[in-house]
C-alpha atoms as a PDB file:
ATOM      1  CA  MET A   1       0.000   0.000   0.000  1.00  0.00           C
ATOM      2  CA  VAL A   2       1.368   3.385  -1.004  1.00  0.00           C
ATOM      3  CA  SER A   3       0.901   6.164   1.541  1.00  0.00           C
ATOM      4  CA  ASP A   4       1.906   9.097  -0.658  1.00  0.00           C
ATOM      5  CA  ILE A   5      -0.452  12.060  -0.916  1.00  0.00           C
ATOM      6  CA  VAL A   6      -0.291  13.712  -4.316  1.00  0.00           C
ATOM      7  CA  ASN A   7      -2.060  16.351  -6.323  1.00  0.00           C
ATOM      8  CA  TYR A   8      -2.713  15.571 -10.002  1.00  0.00           C
ATOM      9  CA  ILE A   9      -2.036  18.848 -11.801  1.00  0.00           C
ATOM     10  CA  ASP A  10      -2.566  17.413 -15.289  1.00  0.00           C
ATOM     11  CA  LEU A  11      -2.119  14.066 -17.055  1.00  0.00           C
ATOM     12  CA  SER A  12       1.667  14.360 -17.043  1.00  0.00           C
ATOM     13  CA  THR A  13       2.334  16.248 -13.779  1.00  0.00           C
ATOM     14  CA  ILE A  14       1.950  14.969 -10.245  1.00  0.00           C
ATOM     15  CA  GLU A  15       2.828  17.135  -7.240  1.00  0.00           C
ATOM     16  CA  PHE A  16       4.026  15.250  -4.135  1.00  0.00           C
ATOM     17  CA  ILE A  17       2.381  16.725  -1.020  1.00  0.00           C
ATOM     18  CA  GLY A  18       3.431  14.311   1.702  1.00  0.00           C
ATOM     19  CA  ARG A  19       2.617  10.972   3.280  1.00  0.00           C
ATOM     20  CA  SER A  20      -0.493   9.770   5.067  1.00  0.00           C
ATOM     21  CA  ASP A  21       1.566   7.726   7.541  1.00  0.00           C
ATOM     22  CA  ARG A  22       4.554   8.671   9.681  1.00  0.00           C
ATOM     23  CA  ILE A  23       7.106   6.420   7.954  1.00  0.00           C
ATOM     24  CA  VAL A  24      10.403   8.128   7.112  1.00  0.00           C
ATOM     25  CA  LYS A  25      13.561   6.978   5.394  1.00  0.00           C
ATOM     26  CA  VAL A  26      16.842   7.835   7.124  1.00  0.00           C
ATOM     27  CA  ASP A  27      20.183   6.299   6.127  1.00  0.00           C
ATOM     28  CA  GLU A  28      18.385   3.950   3.709  1.00  0.00           C
ATOM     29  CA  LYS A  29      16.250   2.530   6.560  1.00  0.00           C
ATOM     30  CA  ARG A  30      12.493   3.019   6.858  1.00  0.00           C
ATOM     31  CA  LEU A  31      11.412   3.961  10.369  1.00  0.00           C
ATOM     32  CA  SER A  32       8.025   4.647  11.896  1.00  0.00           C
ATOM     33  CA  LEU A  33       8.000   7.871  13.900  1.00  0.00           C
ATOM     34  CA  THR A  34       4.813   6.643  15.559  1.00  0.00           C
ATOM     35  CA  GLU A  35       6.477   3.427  16.786  1.00  0.00           C
ATOM     36  CA  LEU A  36       9.528   5.294  18.078  1.00  0.00           C
ATOM     37  CA  GLY A  37       7.288   7.774  19.898  1.00  0.00           C
ATOM     38  CA  GLN A  38       5.301   4.937  21.451  1.00  0.00           C
ATOM     39  CA  ARG A  39       8.515   3.289  22.620  1.00  0.00           C
ATOM     40  CA  ILE A  40       9.765   6.514  24.192  1.00  0.00           C
ATOM     41  CA  ILE A  41       6.573   7.176  26.165  1.00  0.00           C
ATOM     42  CA  GLN A  42       6.844   3.703  27.695  1.00  0.00           C
ATOM     43  CA  HIS A  43       9.698   5.104  29.799  1.00  0.00           C
ATOM     44  CA  PRO A  44       8.404   6.257  33.216  1.00  0.00           C
ATOM     45  CA  PHE A  45      10.247   9.591  32.917  1.00  0.00           C
ATOM     46  CA  VAL A  46       8.403  10.554  29.712  1.00  0.00           C
ATOM     47  CA  LYS A  47       4.859  11.898  29.608  1.00  0.00           C
ATOM     48  CA  GLU A  48       4.585  12.786  25.903  1.00  0.00           C
ATOM     49  CA  SER A  49       6.760  12.503  22.809  1.00  0.00           C
ATOM     50  CA  TYR A  50       6.565  13.658  19.200  1.00  0.00           C
ATOM     51  CA  GLY A  51       9.100  12.533  16.597  1.00  0.00           C
ATOM     52  CA  LEU A  52      10.075  14.517  13.534  1.00  0.00           C
ATOM     53  CA  VAL A  53      12.742  14.538  10.843  1.00  0.00           C
ATOM     54  CA  ILE A  54      15.243  17.382  10.787  1.00  0.00           C
ATOM     55  CA  GLN A  55      17.879  18.238   8.205  1.00  0.00           C
ATOM     56  CA  GLN A  56      21.287  19.226   9.564  1.00  0.00           C
ATOM     57  CA  GLY A  57      23.700  18.154   6.868  1.00  0.00           C
ATOM     58  CA  ARG A  58      21.922  14.805   6.680  1.00  0.00           C
ATOM     59  CA  GLN A  59      18.476  13.704   7.753  1.00  0.00           C
ATOM     60  CA  GLN A  60      18.121  12.821  11.423  1.00  0.00           C
ATOM     61  CA  ILE A  61      15.214  11.925  13.641  1.00  0.00           C
ATOM     62  CA  SER A  62      14.564  14.097  16.660  1.00  0.00           C
ATOM     63  CA  SER A  63      11.956  14.004  19.381  1.00  0.00           C
ATOM     64  CA  LEU A  64      10.268  16.618  21.476  1.00  0.00           C
ATOM     65  CA  VAL A  65       9.726  15.127  24.924  1.00  0.00           C
ATOM     66  CA  SER A  66       7.555  16.225  27.814  1.00  0.00           C
ATOM     67  CA  LEU A  67       8.874  14.771  31.056  1.00  0.00           C
ATOM     68  CA  SER A  68       6.930  13.346  33.965  1.00  0.00           C
ATOM     69  CA  ASP A  69       7.560  14.652  37.475  1.00  0.00           C
ATOM     70  CA  ASP A  70      10.001  11.762  37.997  1.00  0.00           C
ATOM     71  CA  GLY A  71      11.851  12.783  34.837  1.00  0.00           C
ATOM     72  CA  LEU A  72      12.098  16.383  36.000  1.00  0.00           C
ATOM     73  CA  ASN A  73      13.377  15.204  39.399  1.00  0.00           C
ATOM     74  CA  GLU A  74      15.985  13.050  37.623  1.00  0.00           C
ATOM     75  CA  ILE A  75      17.290  16.108  35.768  1.00  0.00           C
ATOM     76  CA  GLU A  76      17.485  18.102  39.000  1.00  0.00           C
ATOM     77  CA  THR A  77      19.368  15.380  40.884  1.00  0.00           C
ATOM     78  CA  GLN A  78      21.423  13.626  38.185  1.00  0.00           C
ATOM     79  CA  GLY A  79      21.604  16.128  35.314  1.00  0.00           C
ATOM     80  CA  LYS A  80      20.504  16.041  31.698  1.00  0.00           C
ATOM     81  CA  ARG A  81      23.266  13.694  30.524  1.00  0.00           C
ATOM     82  CA  THR A  82      22.080  10.934  32.842  1.00  0.00           C
ATOM     83  CA  LEU A  83      18.526  11.309  31.593  1.00  0.00           C
ATOM     84  CA  VAL A  84      19.691  11.229  27.960  1.00  0.00           C
ATOM     85  CA  LYS A  85      21.675   8.034  28.643  1.00  0.00           C
ATOM     86  CA  LEU A  86      18.636   6.434  30.305  1.00  0.00           C
ATOM     87  CA  LEU A  87      16.432   7.275  27.305  1.00  0.00           C
ATOM     88  CA  GLU A  88      19.071   6.052  24.829  1.00  0.00           C
ATOM     89  CA  SER A  89      19.322   2.791  26.751  1.00  0.00           C
ATOM     90  CA  HIS A  90      15.546   2.488  26.778  1.00  0.00           C
ATOM     91  CA  LEU A  91      15.416   2.917  23.004  1.00  0.00           C
ATOM     92  CA  GLY A  92      17.979   0.158  22.554  1.00  0.00           C
ATOM     93  CA  GLU A  93      18.919  -0.467  18.957  1.00  0.00           C
ATOM     94  CA  HIS A  94      16.702   2.382  17.737  1.00  0.00           C
ATOM     95  CA  SER A  95      18.867   4.974  19.539  1.00  0.00           C
ATOM     96  CA  LYS A  96      21.456   5.114  16.746  1.00  0.00           C
ATOM     97  CA  TYR A  97      18.758   6.613  14.505  1.00  0.00           C
ATOM     98  CA  PHE A  98      17.365   8.886  17.182  1.00  0.00           C
ATOM     99  CA  VAL A  99      18.817  12.262  18.114  1.00  0.00           C
ATOM    100  CA  LEU A 100      18.377  13.342  21.731  1.00  0.00           C
ATOM    101  CA  PRO A 101      19.186  16.905  22.803  1.00  0.00           C
ATOM    102  CA  ARG A 102      22.411  17.243  24.781  1.00  0.00           C
ATOM    103  CA  LYS A 103      22.208  20.930  25.705  1.00  0.00           C
END
């Protein structure tokens, strides 16, 4: 099943608008942003997550994350780097395709 959304301008011209699913291709691998987001929110420190593709030289996947109270407490006591490492560990093999903020 093709999930492309297009606009037929005339018989010989098709304009690509986007996709109806949240599947993206990064480094020749197809990934579901929905599945990655669902995996992230399974972590007890995460309340909400939204994945998106960004272009910084090459395509990368990023996620906006809203933390639970426990996640906020973890940042206060252990620092952001510890939280990032915990989330990377939680993502397992998917973490090499996922960019987490380190600022």
